[in-house]
Structure formats: C-alpha cells, structure tokens
Amino acid sequence: MKSATIPSVRVEPELREQVESLLGEGETVSEFVEASVRAAVLRRHHQAEFIARGLRSLDDARRTGDYVDADVVVRKLQRKLDAARARRTATDR
C-alpha cells in the first residue's frame, strides 16, 4: 500500500520551538506529528466506543427499567476513592 501525506499545518514559531524542544534523540518533527496524529485518532476511537457503550447501556436500562440511582453510584465510587487514598497513605509512611 502506498503511503499518503497529511496536509502541512502552519503554526506559530513558538509552538514549533516547543515541539523541537520535546523531540526525542534522533526524532524528527514529522515523526512527532505522526505520533501525535496517531494518538489523537486512537483517543477519538476510544471516545466513540465509550459513548456507544453508554448509549447501549442507556437503551438497555430504558428497556428493562433497571436503573441504579446516581447517589448510590457516587457513594460506591467515593468509598473506592477513600480506600485507594488510604492505601496510598499507608504505603507512603
């Protein structure tokens, strides 16, 4: 398969300098841009999958009438967060 190009993008000189200052050993700006585009595509793909799962879950809840109250979910998440913080505090000692 032939490779294709992504259109060049004009940026402020300061942004170009920031990019160049972050390049790894032997890395080019083009490689950096390609890696950034790949990461953005993957992030958008994951975001679309997340939204699709949420919409399927909503449809299922509406169909079955089986909902979990938001306060219950928040309390469970808060307990998990509190437990994780306690574990971290215990290991930091």
Protein backbone atom coordinates (compact mmCIF):
# COMPACT_ATOMS: atom_id res chain seq x y z
CA MET A 1 0.00 0.00 0.00
CA LYS A 2 1.27 3.46 -0.87
CA SER A 3 1.75 5.94 1.91
CA ALA A 4 -0.20 9.17 1.94
CA THR A 5 0.56 12.59 3.31
CA ILE A 6 -1.25 14.69 5.85
CA PRO A 7 -1.52 18.36 4.91
CA SER A 8 1.10 20.61 6.41
CA VAL A 9 -0.12 22.93 9.13
CA ARG A 10 1.10 26.45 9.76
CA VAL A 11 1.86 27.16 13.41
CA GLU A 12 3.32 29.99 15.41
CA PRO A 13 7.11 29.87 15.67
CA GLU A 14 6.81 29.44 19.44
CA LEU A 15 4.84 26.21 19.02
CA ARG A 16 7.40 24.89 16.54
CA GLU A 17 10.14 25.68 19.08
CA GLN A 18 8.22 23.88 21.82
CA VAL A 19 7.82 20.82 19.62
CA GLU A 20 11.50 20.83 18.71
CA SER A 21 12.48 21.14 22.37
CA LEU A 22 10.49 17.99 23.17
CA LEU A 23 11.85 15.75 20.43
CA GLY A 24 13.49 12.53 21.48
CA GLU A 25 17.02 11.58 20.46
CA GLY A 26 17.05 11.38 16.65
CA GLU A 27 13.32 12.11 16.40
CA THR A 28 12.10 14.44 13.66
CA VAL A 29 9.24 16.91 13.75
CA SER A 30 7.49 14.76 11.13
CA GLU A 31 7.77 11.68 13.38
CA PHE A 32 6.46 13.69 16.31
CA VAL A 33 3.50 14.94 14.26
CA GLU A 34 2.73 11.42 13.02
CA ALA A 35 2.81 10.02 16.56
CA SER A 36 0.58 12.86 17.74
CA VAL A 37 -1.94 12.25 14.97
CA ARG A 38 -1.96 8.51 15.71
CA ALA A 39 -2.54 9.20 19.42
CA ALA A 40 -5.39 11.60 18.62
CA VAL A 41 -7.01 9.06 16.28
CA LEU A 42 -6.78 6.34 18.94
CA ARG A 43 -8.17 8.68 21.62
CA ARG A 44 -11.12 9.62 19.39
CA HIS A 45 -11.73 5.94 18.59
CA HIS A 46 -11.79 5.07 22.29
CA GLN A 47 -14.06 8.02 22.99
CA ALA A 48 -16.52 6.89 20.28
CA GLU A 49 -16.53 3.34 21.71
CA PHE A 50 -17.13 4.72 25.22
CA ILE A 51 -20.09 6.78 24.03
CA ALA A 52 -21.52 3.82 22.09
CA ARG A 53 -21.29 1.60 25.21
CA GLY A 54 -23.01 4.28 27.27
CA LEU A 55 -25.83 4.66 24.76
CA ARG A 56 -26.30 0.87 24.62
CA SER A 57 -26.43 0.80 28.41
CA LEU A 58 -28.99 3.61 28.45
CA ASP A 59 -31.14 1.77 25.91
CA ASP A 60 -30.89 -1.40 28.00
CA ALA A 61 -31.87 0.46 31.16
CA ARG A 62 -34.85 2.05 29.45
CA ARG A 63 -35.91 -1.30 28.00
CA THR A 64 -35.63 -3.21 31.29
CA GLY A 65 -36.42 -0.38 33.71
CA ASP A 66 -33.34 -1.46 35.67
CA TYR A 67 -31.61 1.74 36.80
CA VAL A 68 -29.09 2.42 39.55
CA ASP A 69 -29.64 5.66 41.43
CA ALA A 70 -26.85 8.17 40.82
CA ASP A 71 -26.40 8.73 44.58
CA VAL A 72 -25.70 5.02 45.04
CA VAL A 73 -23.07 5.07 42.28
CA VAL A 74 -21.41 8.19 43.69
CA ARG A 75 -21.28 6.68 47.20
CA LYS A 76 -19.66 3.49 45.85
CA LEU A 77 -17.13 5.49 43.87
CA GLN A 78 -16.38 7.66 46.90
CA ARG A 79 -15.73 4.55 49.02
CA LYS A 80 -13.35 3.22 46.37
CA LEU A 81 -11.55 6.56 46.22
CA ASP A 82 -11.29 6.74 50.00
CA ALA A 83 -9.89 3.19 50.13
CA ALA A 84 -7.33 3.94 47.42
CA ARG A 85 -6.22 7.10 49.24
CA ALA A 86 -5.91 5.17 52.49
CA ARG A 87 -3.76 2.51 50.79
CA ARG A 88 -1.54 5.18 49.25
CA THR A 89 -1.18 6.98 52.57
CA ALA A 90 -0.27 3.66 54.27
CA THR A 91 2.44 2.90 51.69
CA ASP A 92 3.83 6.47 51.83
CA ARG A 93 4.64 6.10 55.53
